[in-house]
C-alpha atoms as a PDB file:
ATOM      1  CA  UNK A   1     173.735 107.915  47.323  1.00  0.00           C
ATOM      2  CA  UNK A   2     170.361 106.323  48.194  1.00  0.00           C
ATOM      3  CA  UNK A   3     168.155 108.614  50.262  1.00  0.00           C
ATOM      4  CA  UNK A   4     164.712 108.934  51.755  1.00  0.00           C
ATOM      5  CA  UNK A   5     162.845 112.206  51.255  1.00  0.00           C
ATOM      6  CA  UNK A   6     160.062 113.368  53.571  1.00  0.00           C
ATOM      7  CA  UNK A   7     157.847 116.411  53.281  1.00  0.00           C
ATOM      8  CA  UNK A   8     156.853 118.518  56.277  1.00  0.00           C
ATOM      9  CA  UNK A   9     154.553 121.375  56.990  1.00  0.00           C
ATOM     10  CA  UNK A  10     156.563 124.448  58.122  1.00  0.00           C
ATOM     11  CA  UNK A  11     154.748 124.285  61.462  1.00  0.00           C
ATOM     12  CA  UNK A  12     156.430 120.919  62.132  1.00  0.00           C
ATOM     13  CA  UNK A  13     159.871 122.486  61.826  1.00  0.00           C
ATOM     14  CA  UNK A  14     158.721 125.437  63.941  1.00  0.00           C
ATOM     15  CA  UNK A  15     157.583 123.028  66.686  1.00  0.00           C
ATOM     16  CA  UNK A  16     160.955 121.280  66.605  1.00  0.00           C
ATOM     17  CA  UNK A  17     162.786 124.588  67.044  1.00  0.00           C
ATOM     18  CA  UNK A  18     160.350 125.633  69.770  1.00  0.00           C
ATOM     19  CA  UNK A  19     160.891 122.436  71.792  1.00  0.00           C
ATOM     20  CA  UNK A  20     164.655 122.742  71.389  1.00  0.00           C
ATOM     21  CA  UNK A  21     164.495 126.281  72.686  1.00  0.00           C
ATOM     22  CA  UNK A  22     162.396 125.266  75.679  1.00  0.00           C
ATOM     23  CA  UNK A  23     164.494 122.202  76.594  1.00  0.00           C
ATOM     24  CA  UNK A  24     168.200 122.517  77.221  1.00  0.00           C
ATOM     25  CA  UNK A  25     170.503 119.618  76.435  1.00  0.00           C
ATOM     26  CA  UNK A  26     171.342 117.310  79.363  1.00  0.00           C
ATOM     27  CA  UNK A  27     175.000 116.409  79.713  1.00  0.00           C
ATOM     28  CA  UNK A  28     175.566 112.682  79.290  1.00  0.00           C
ATOM     29  CA  UNK A  29     172.154 112.106  77.712  1.00  0.00           C
ATOM     30  CA  UNK A  30     171.288 111.428  74.088  1.00  0.00           C
ATOM     31  CA  UNK A  31     170.926 114.535  71.969  1.00  0.00           C
ATOM     32  CA  UNK A  32     169.727 113.022  68.754  1.00  0.00           C
ATOM     33  CA  UNK A  33     166.854 113.872  66.476  1.00  0.00           C
ATOM     34  CA  UNK A  34     164.912 110.705  65.712  1.00  0.00           C
ATOM     35  CA  UNK A  35     162.845 110.554  62.530  1.00  0.00           C
ATOM     36  CA  UNK A  36     160.380 107.667  62.501  1.00  0.00           C
ATOM     37  CA  UNK A  37     159.226 106.601  59.064  1.00  0.00           C
ATOM     38  CA  UNK A  38     156.346 104.210  58.440  1.00  0.00           C
ATOM     39  CA  UNK A  39     155.002 103.408  54.952  1.00  0.00           C
ATOM     40  CA  UNK A  40     152.010 105.581  54.017  1.00  0.00           C
ATOM     41  CA  UNK A  41     152.066 107.348  57.385  1.00  0.00           C
ATOM     42  CA  UNK A  42     153.147 110.869  58.277  1.00  0.00           C
ATOM     43  CA  UNK A  43     156.728 111.103  59.572  1.00  0.00           C
ATOM     44  CA  UNK A  44     157.216 111.599  63.316  1.00  0.00           C
ATOM     45  CA  UNK A  45     160.117 113.594  64.760  1.00  0.00           C
ATOM     46  CA  UNK A  46     161.272 112.607  68.282  1.00  0.00           C
ATOM     47  CA  UNK A  47     163.591 114.737  70.421  1.00  0.00           C
ATOM     48  CA  UNK A  48     165.916 112.788  72.686  1.00  0.00           C
ATOM     49  CA  UNK A  49     166.167 112.303  75.643  1.00  0.00           C
ATOM     50  CA  UNK A  50     162.813 113.945  76.390  1.00  0.00           C
ATOM     51  CA  UNK A  51     160.838 111.655  74.003  1.00  0.00           C
ATOM     52  CA  UNK A  52     158.951 114.698  72.730  1.00  0.00           C
ATOM     53  CA  UNK A  53     157.175 113.834  69.501  1.00  0.00           C
ATOM     54  CA  UNK A  54     156.539 116.455  66.868  1.00  0.00           C
ATOM     55  CA  UNK A  55     154.023 116.052  64.067  1.00  0.00           C
ATOM     56  CA  UNK A  56     151.927 118.462  62.097  1.00  0.00           C
ATOM     57  CA  UNK A  57     148.367 118.373  60.905  1.00  0.00           C
ATOM     58  CA  UNK A  58     147.616 116.869  57.551  1.00  0.00           C
ATOM     59  CA  UNK A  59     148.063 119.556  54.943  1.00  0.00           C
ATOM     60  CA  UNK A  60     149.094 119.955  51.328  1.00  0.00           C
ATOM     61  CA  UNK A  61     152.752 120.215  52.370  1.00  0.00           C
ATOM     62  CA  UNK A  62     152.750 117.290  54.753  1.00  0.00           C
ATOM     63  CA  UNK A  63     152.843 114.018  52.816  1.00  0.00           C
ATOM     64  CA  UNK A  64     152.965 110.350  53.950  1.00  0.00           C
ATOM     65  CA  UNK A  65     156.247 108.492  53.726  1.00  0.00           C
ATOM     66  CA  UNK A  66     156.400 106.673  50.368  1.00  0.00           C
ATOM     67  CA  UNK A  67     159.007 104.050  51.298  1.00  0.00           C
ATOM     68  CA  UNK A  68     158.385 100.306  51.408  1.00  0.00           C
ATOM     69  CA  UNK A  69     159.684  99.577  54.928  1.00  0.00           C
ATOM     70  CA  UNK A  70     159.702 101.281  58.301  1.00  0.00           C
ATOM     71  CA  UNK A  71     162.834 103.095  59.390  1.00  0.00           C
ATOM     72  CA  UNK A  72     164.144 104.921  62.414  1.00  0.00           C
ATOM     73  CA  UNK A  73     166.878 107.411  61.501  1.00  0.00           C
ATOM     74  CA  UNK A  74     168.865 109.276  64.124  1.00  0.00           C
ATOM     75  CA  UNK A  75     170.498 112.632  63.283  1.00  0.00           C
ATOM     76  CA  UNK A  76     172.895 114.774  65.252  1.00  0.00           C
ATOM     77  CA  UNK A  77     173.658 118.467  65.246  1.00  0.00           C
ATOM     78  CA  UNK A  78     169.996 119.390  65.719  1.00  0.00           C
ATOM     79  CA  UNK A  79     170.751 122.785  67.313  1.00  0.00           C
ATOM     80  CA  UNK A  80     172.015 123.968  63.942  1.00  0.00           C
ATOM     81  CA  UNK A  81     168.477 123.905  62.610  1.00  0.00           C
ATOM     82  CA  UNK A  82     167.905 127.128  64.528  1.00  0.00           C
ATOM     83  CA  UNK A  83     169.655 128.875  61.632  1.00  0.00           C
ATOM     84  CA  UNK A  84     166.445 128.338  59.628  1.00  0.00           C
ATOM     85  CA  UNK A  85     164.117 130.163  61.994  1.00  0.00           C
ATOM     86  CA  UNK A  86     164.251 133.470  60.097  1.00  0.00           C
ATOM     87  CA  UNK A  87     163.120 131.782  56.899  1.00  0.00           C
ATOM     88  CA  UNK A  88     160.133 130.002  58.427  1.00  0.00           C
ATOM     89  CA  UNK A  89     157.683 132.950  58.171  1.00  0.00           C
ATOM     90  CA  UNK A  90     158.258 132.972  54.398  1.00  0.00           C
ATOM     91  CA  UNK A  91     158.315 129.188  53.903  1.00  0.00           C
ATOM     92  CA  UNK A  92     155.479 127.262  52.267  1.00  0.00           C
ATOM     93  CA  UNK A  93     156.980 123.748  52.365  1.00  0.00           C
ATOM     94  CA  UNK A  94     159.874 121.841  53.919  1.00  0.00           C
ATOM     95  CA  UNK A  95     161.458 118.687  52.510  1.00  0.00           C
ATOM     96  CA  UNK A  96     164.169 116.642  54.176  1.00  0.00           C
ATOM     97  CA  UNK A  97     166.502 114.254  52.352  1.00  0.00           C
ATOM     98  CA  UNK A  98     167.978 111.600  54.642  1.00  0.00           C
ATOM     99  CA  UNK A  99     171.031 109.567  53.688  1.00  0.00           C
ATOM    100  CA  UNK A 100     170.867 107.264  56.706  1.00  0.00           C
ATOM    101  CA  UNK A 101     171.750 106.805  60.365  1.00  0.00           C
ATOM    102  CA  UNK A 102     174.146 109.559  61.472  1.00  0.00           C
ATOM    103  CA  UNK A 103     174.750 110.611  57.862  1.00  0.00           C
ATOM    104  CA  UNK A 104     174.310 114.150  56.504  1.00  0.00           C
ATOM    105  CA  UNK A 105     170.760 115.388  55.945  1.00  0.00           C
ATOM    106  CA  UNK A 106     169.493 118.139  53.642  1.00  0.00           C
ATOM    107  CA  UNK A 107     166.652 120.455  54.674  1.00  0.00           C
ATOM    108  CA  UNK A 108     165.095 122.341  51.739  1.00  0.00           C
ATOM    109  CA  UNK A 109     162.772 125.276  52.408  1.00  0.00           C
ATOM    110  CA  UNK A 110     160.671 126.641  49.565  1.00  0.00           C
ATOM    111  CA  UNK A 111     158.608 129.823  49.475  1.00  0.00           C
ATOM    112  CA  UNK A 112     157.379 132.398  47.054  1.00  0.00           C
ATOM    113  CA  UNK A 113     160.332 133.266  44.822  1.00  0.00           C
ATOM    114  CA  UNK A 114     163.022 131.333  46.727  1.00  0.00           C
ATOM    115  CA  UNK A 115     164.299 127.981  47.797  1.00  0.00           C
ATOM    116  CA  UNK A 116     167.042 127.360  50.366  1.00  0.00           C
ATOM    117  CA  UNK A 117     168.890 124.109  51.043  1.00  0.00           C
ATOM    118  CA  UNK A 118     170.587 123.578  54.399  1.00  0.00           C
ATOM    119  CA  UNK A 119     173.045 120.671  54.761  1.00  0.00           C
ATOM    120  CA  UNK A 120     173.455 119.357  58.302  1.00  0.00           C
ATOM    121  CA  UNK A 121     176.420 117.048  58.828  1.00  0.00           C
ATOM    122  CA  UNK A 122     176.021 116.307  62.520  1.00  0.00           C
ATOM    123  CA  UNK A 123     179.771 116.657  63.040  1.00  0.00           C
ATOM    124  CA  UNK A 124     181.571 119.638  64.476  1.00  0.00           C
ATOM    125  CA  UNK A 125     185.169 118.795  63.444  1.00  0.00           C
ATOM    126  CA  UNK A 126     186.403 120.478  60.303  1.00  0.00           C
ATOM    127  CA  UNK A 127     187.872 117.232  58.940  1.00  0.00           C
ATOM    128  CA  UNK A 128     184.735 115.100  59.364  1.00  0.00           C
ATOM    129  CA  UNK A 129     184.636 114.086  55.704  1.00  0.00           C
ATOM    130  CA  UNK A 130     188.261 112.985  55.763  1.00  0.00           C
ATOM    131  CA  UNK A 131     188.081 111.138  59.058  1.00  0.00           C
ATOM    132  CA  UNK A 132     184.994 109.186  58.008  1.00  0.00           C
ATOM    133  CA  UNK A 133     186.351 108.487  54.529  1.00  0.00           C
ATOM    134  CA  UNK A 134     183.111 109.394  52.752  1.00  0.00           C
ATOM    135  CA  UNK A 135     185.121 109.631  49.551  1.00  0.00           C
ATOM    136  CA  UNK A 136     185.652 105.842  49.748  1.00  0.00           C
ATOM    137  CA  UNK A 137     181.947 105.451  49.007  1.00  0.00           C
ATOM    138  CA  UNK A 138     182.519 106.984  45.593  1.00  0.00           C
ATOM    139  CA  UNK A 139     183.905 105.031  42.629  1.00  0.00           C
ATOM    140  CA  UNK A 140     187.479 105.643  41.627  1.00  0.00           C
ATOM    141  CA  UNK A 141     187.955 108.519  39.241  1.00  0.00           C
ATOM    142  CA  UNK A 142     188.208 107.036  35.730  1.00  0.00           C
ATOM    143  CA  UNK A 143     191.251 108.634  34.154  1.00  0.00           C
ATOM    144  CA  UNK A 144     190.216 107.538  30.661  1.00  0.00           C
ATOM    145  CA  UNK A 145     187.054 109.640  30.883  1.00  0.00           C
ATOM    146  CA  UNK A 146     188.386 112.920  32.255  1.00  0.00           C
ATOM    147  CA  UNK A 147     189.109 116.361  30.910  1.00  0.00           C
ATOM    148  CA  UNK A 148     192.788 117.012  30.348  1.00  0.00           C
ATOM    149  CA  UNK A 149     194.246 119.784  32.480  1.00  0.00           C
ATOM    150  CA  UNK A 150     197.400 119.943  30.395  1.00  0.00           C
ATOM    151  CA  UNK A 151     195.530 120.756  27.193  1.00  0.00           C
ATOM    152  CA  UNK A 152     194.377 124.204  26.237  1.00  0.00           C
ATOM    153  CA  UNK A 153     190.761 125.118  25.985  1.00  0.00           C
ATOM    154  CA  UNK A 154     189.064 124.603  22.644  1.00  0.00           C
ATOM    155  CA  UNK A 155     188.358 127.457  20.276  1.00  0.00           C
ATOM    156  CA  UNK A 156     184.959 128.087  21.834  1.00  0.00           C
ATOM    157  CA  UNK A 157     186.494 128.405  25.270  1.00  0.00           C
ATOM    158  CA  UNK A 158     185.216 125.023  26.543  1.00  0.00           C
ATOM    159  CA  UNK A 159     187.268 122.172  27.957  1.00  0.00           C
ATOM    160  CA  UNK A 160     188.132 119.200  25.757  1.00  0.00           C
ATOM    161  CA  UNK A 161     188.568 115.560  26.591  1.00  0.00           C
ATOM    162  CA  UNK A 162     191.871 113.751  26.834  1.00  0.00           C
ATOM    163  CA  UNK A 163     191.827 111.386  23.884  1.00  0.00           C
ATOM    164  CA  UNK A 164     195.078 109.603  24.676  1.00  0.00           C
ATOM    165  CA  UNK A 165     193.197 106.304  25.135  1.00  0.00           C
ATOM    166  CA  UNK A 166     191.635 105.203  21.852  1.00  0.00           C
ATOM    167  CA  UNK A 167     189.641 102.210  23.134  1.00  0.00           C
ATOM    168  CA  UNK A 168     186.341 103.946  22.445  1.00  0.00           C
ATOM    169  CA  UNK A 169     185.931 107.482  21.144  1.00  0.00           C
ATOM    170  CA  UNK A 170     182.297 107.505  22.153  1.00  0.00           C
ATOM    171  CA  UNK A 171     183.206 106.585  25.715  1.00  0.00           C
ATOM    172  CA  UNK A 172     185.795 109.356  25.814  1.00  0.00           C
ATOM    173  CA  UNK A 173     183.328 111.909  24.475  1.00  0.00           C
ATOM    174  CA  UNK A 174     180.429 110.927  26.743  1.00  0.00           C
ATOM    175  CA  UNK A 175     181.351 113.342  29.516  1.00  0.00           C
ATOM    176  CA  UNK A 176     182.052 116.122  27.015  1.00  0.00           C
ATOM    177  CA  UNK A 177     178.641 115.652  25.361  1.00  0.00           C
ATOM    178  CA  UNK A 178     176.942 115.628  28.766  1.00  0.00           C
ATOM    179  CA  UNK A 179     178.649 118.862  29.744  1.00  0.00           C
ATOM    180  CA  UNK A 180     177.792 120.511  26.440  1.00  0.00           C
ATOM    181  CA  UNK A 181     174.144 119.639  26.991  1.00  0.00           C
ATOM    182  CA  UNK A 182     174.220 121.150  30.470  1.00  0.00           C
ATOM    183  CA  UNK A 183     175.936 124.275  29.111  1.00  0.00           C
ATOM    184  CA  UNK A 184     172.797 125.051  27.124  1.00  0.00           C
ATOM    185  CA  UNK A 185     170.329 124.435  29.917  1.00  0.00           C
ATOM    186  CA  UNK A 186     170.309 122.779  33.370  1.00  0.00           C
ATOM    187  CA  UNK A 187     168.575 119.396  33.240  1.00  0.00           C
ATOM    188  CA  UNK A 188     167.174 116.731  35.474  1.00  0.00           C
ATOM    189  CA  UNK A 189     168.493 113.190  35.177  1.00  0.00           C
ATOM    190  CA  UNK A 190     165.390 112.094  33.231  1.00  0.00           C
ATOM    191  CA  UNK A 191     165.671 114.940  30.731  1.00  0.00           C
ATOM    192  CA  UNK A 192     169.398 114.393  30.330  1.00  0.00           C
ATOM    193  CA  UNK A 193     168.913 110.712  29.559  1.00  0.00           C
ATOM    194  CA  UNK A 194     166.358 111.562  26.864  1.00  0.00           C
ATOM    195  CA  UNK A 195     168.613 114.230  25.383  1.00  0.00           C
ATOM    196  CA  UNK A 196     171.687 112.033  25.291  1.00  0.00           C
ATOM    197  CA  UNK A 197     169.745 109.080  23.885  1.00  0.00           C
ATOM    198  CA  UNK A 198     168.925 111.211  20.830  1.00  0.00           C
ATOM    199  CA  UNK A 199     172.539 112.362  20.391  1.00  0.00           C
ATOM    200  CA  UNK A 200     174.075 110.856  17.255  1.00  0.00           C
ATOM    201  CA  UNK A 201     177.615 110.928  18.645  1.00  0.00           C
ATOM    202  CA  UNK A 202     176.778 108.424  21.392  1.00  0.00           C
ATOM    203  CA  UNK A 203     175.365 105.656  19.228  1.00  0.00           C
ATOM    204  CA  UNK A 204     177.847 103.015  20.454  1.00  0.00           C
ATOM    205  CA  UNK A 205     177.598 103.937  24.125  1.00  0.00           C
ATOM    206  CA  UNK A 206     174.663 102.618  26.206  1.00  0.00           C
ATOM    207  CA  UNK A 207     172.731 105.641  27.419  1.00  0.00           C
ATOM    208  CA  UNK A 208     170.917 104.472  30.524  1.00  0.00           C
ATOM    209  CA  UNK A 209     170.132 106.057  33.882  1.00  0.00           C
ATOM    210  CA  UNK A 210     173.033 104.307  35.566  1.00  0.00           C
ATOM    211  CA  UNK A 211     175.449 105.249  32.742  1.00  0.00           C
ATOM    212  CA  UNK A 212     174.415 108.899  32.742  1.00  0.00           C
ATOM    213  CA  UNK A 213     174.681 108.990  36.529  1.00  0.00           C
ATOM    214  CA  UNK A 214     178.272 107.747  36.225  1.00  0.00           C
ATOM    215  CA  UNK A 215     179.069 110.504  33.747  1.00  0.00           C
ATOM    216  CA  UNK A 216     177.524 113.124  36.011  1.00  0.00           C
ATOM    217  CA  UNK A 217     179.447 111.759  39.000  1.00  0.00           C
ATOM    218  CA  UNK A 218     182.672 111.903  37.040  1.00  0.00           C
ATOM    219  CA  UNK A 219     181.968 115.491  36.063  1.00  0.00           C
ATOM    220  CA  UNK A 220     181.100 116.371  39.670  1.00  0.00           C
ATOM    221  CA  UNK A 221     184.328 114.844  40.961  1.00  0.00           C
ATOM    222  CA  UNK A 222     186.219 116.964  38.448  1.00  0.00           C
ATOM    223  CA  UNK A 223     184.569 120.146  39.652  1.00  0.00           C
ATOM    224  CA  UNK A 224     182.576 120.740  36.449  1.00  0.00           C
ATOM    225  CA  UNK A 225     178.999 119.873  37.425  1.00  0.00           C
ATOM    226  CA  UNK A 226     176.852 120.943  40.383  1.00  0.00           C
ATOM    227  CA  UNK A 227     173.659 119.271  41.593  1.00  0.00           C
ATOM    228  CA  UNK A 228     170.887 121.436  42.981  1.00  0.00           C
ATOM    229  CA  UNK A 229     168.800 119.341  45.359  1.00  0.00           C
ATOM    230  CA  UNK A 230     165.862 121.732  45.647  1.00  0.00           C
ATOM    231  CA  UNK A 231     165.079 121.558  41.935  1.00  0.00           C
ATOM    232  CA  UNK A 232     166.856 118.241  41.145  1.00  0.00           C
ATOM    233  CA  UNK A 233     168.730 119.974  38.345  1.00  0.00           C
ATOM    234  CA  UNK A 234     172.301 119.403  37.219  1.00  0.00           C
ATOM    235  CA  UNK A 235     174.206 122.586  36.328  1.00  0.00           C
ATOM    236  CA  UNK A 236     177.410 123.115  34.403  1.00  0.00           C
ATOM    237  CA  UNK A 237     179.439 125.221  36.802  1.00  0.00           C
ATOM    238  CA  UNK A 238     183.247 124.704  36.622  1.00  0.00           C
ATOM    239  CA  UNK A 239     185.277 125.477  39.708  1.00  0.00           C
ATOM    240  CA  UNK A 240     188.334 126.526  37.711  1.00  0.00           C
ATOM    241  CA  UNK A 241     189.059 128.064  34.302  1.00  0.00           C
ATOM    242  CA  UNK A 242     191.007 124.993  33.216  1.00  0.00           C
ATOM    243  CA  UNK A 243     190.122 121.356  33.914  1.00  0.00           C
ATOM    244  CA  UNK A 244     191.651 119.763  36.988  1.00  0.00           C
ATOM    245  CA  UNK A 245     194.419 117.228  36.487  1.00  0.00           C
ATOM    246  CA  UNK A 246     192.574 114.226  37.845  1.00  0.00           C
ATOM    247  CA  UNK A 247     195.727 112.091  37.807  1.00  0.00           C
ATOM    248  CA  UNK A 248     196.805 114.025  40.884  1.00  0.00           C
ATOM    249  CA  UNK A 249     193.640 112.992  42.732  1.00  0.00           C
ATOM    250  CA  UNK A 250     193.450 109.324  41.704  1.00  0.00           C
ATOM    251  CA  UNK A 251     195.211 108.190  44.912  1.00  0.00           C
ATOM    252  CA  UNK A 252     195.291 109.580  48.420  1.00  0.00           C
ATOM    253  CA  UNK A 253     199.012 109.034  48.869  1.00  0.00           C
ATOM    254  CA  UNK A 254     202.000 107.263  47.369  1.00  0.00           C
ATOM    255  CA  UNK A 255     201.413 104.148  49.500  1.00  0.00           C
ATOM    256  CA  UNK A 256     197.892 103.701  48.127  1.00  0.00           C
ATOM    257  CA  UNK A 257     199.189 104.163  44.611  1.00  0.00           C
ATOM    258  CA  UNK A 258     201.841 101.463  45.038  1.00  0.00           C
ATOM    259  CA  UNK A 259     199.302  99.107  46.651  1.00  0.00           C
ATOM    260  CA  UNK A 260     196.822  99.421  43.777  1.00  0.00           C
ATOM    261  CA  UNK A 261     199.425  99.269  41.050  1.00  0.00           C
END
């Protein structure tokens, strides 16, 4: 999903946690965390309802916002950021990835020999993803480009594609080739596009950023690929020993299946 990424000095996050500790929430008042973004200016964090602004001095870690238009993004669940306080003494830089108003945000702390990514949803209910239907933002799972759960693993112990649809062998093999590339080494999107563009088995399939992103999304939905936000690397990390039967996940219920068919 589209996102805005800002970079903070660790002292900025410390100041946010300090102000939250010194100011208790007021019942009936706003309890959001406002992030004000202006092009080529340092981000400003505002604590509601006190209108306390938090910035940090210009440093190597603190960078101006690189977007093209000004934005005001409100986040909830700010008290959960206190879980990061023990990491702050060892942190050299903080980056925040923002998906939008009220959407999840990702706080990545980096230090010598470590990086830690904290996802803050802003919702306390366990079924927040289901109730908000975030999965509706994703494309439908393409059954013609999935790994077959009913088939056995190949001789080398890796999953194989379901080749029941013969419209395009290259299209069927695109996900398999992507996974095989990630098996050897984790890759960024740019490196993966270059690697797949040079692959002779994908000559009839357009290898573009959007196409590779679709393959990666398909692999992620099948529990085969994991994305690491701190390093922007895609990893091959299957959730199960055999591929999932994606036909069971194509529809939420029987009513949806009948409506789409």
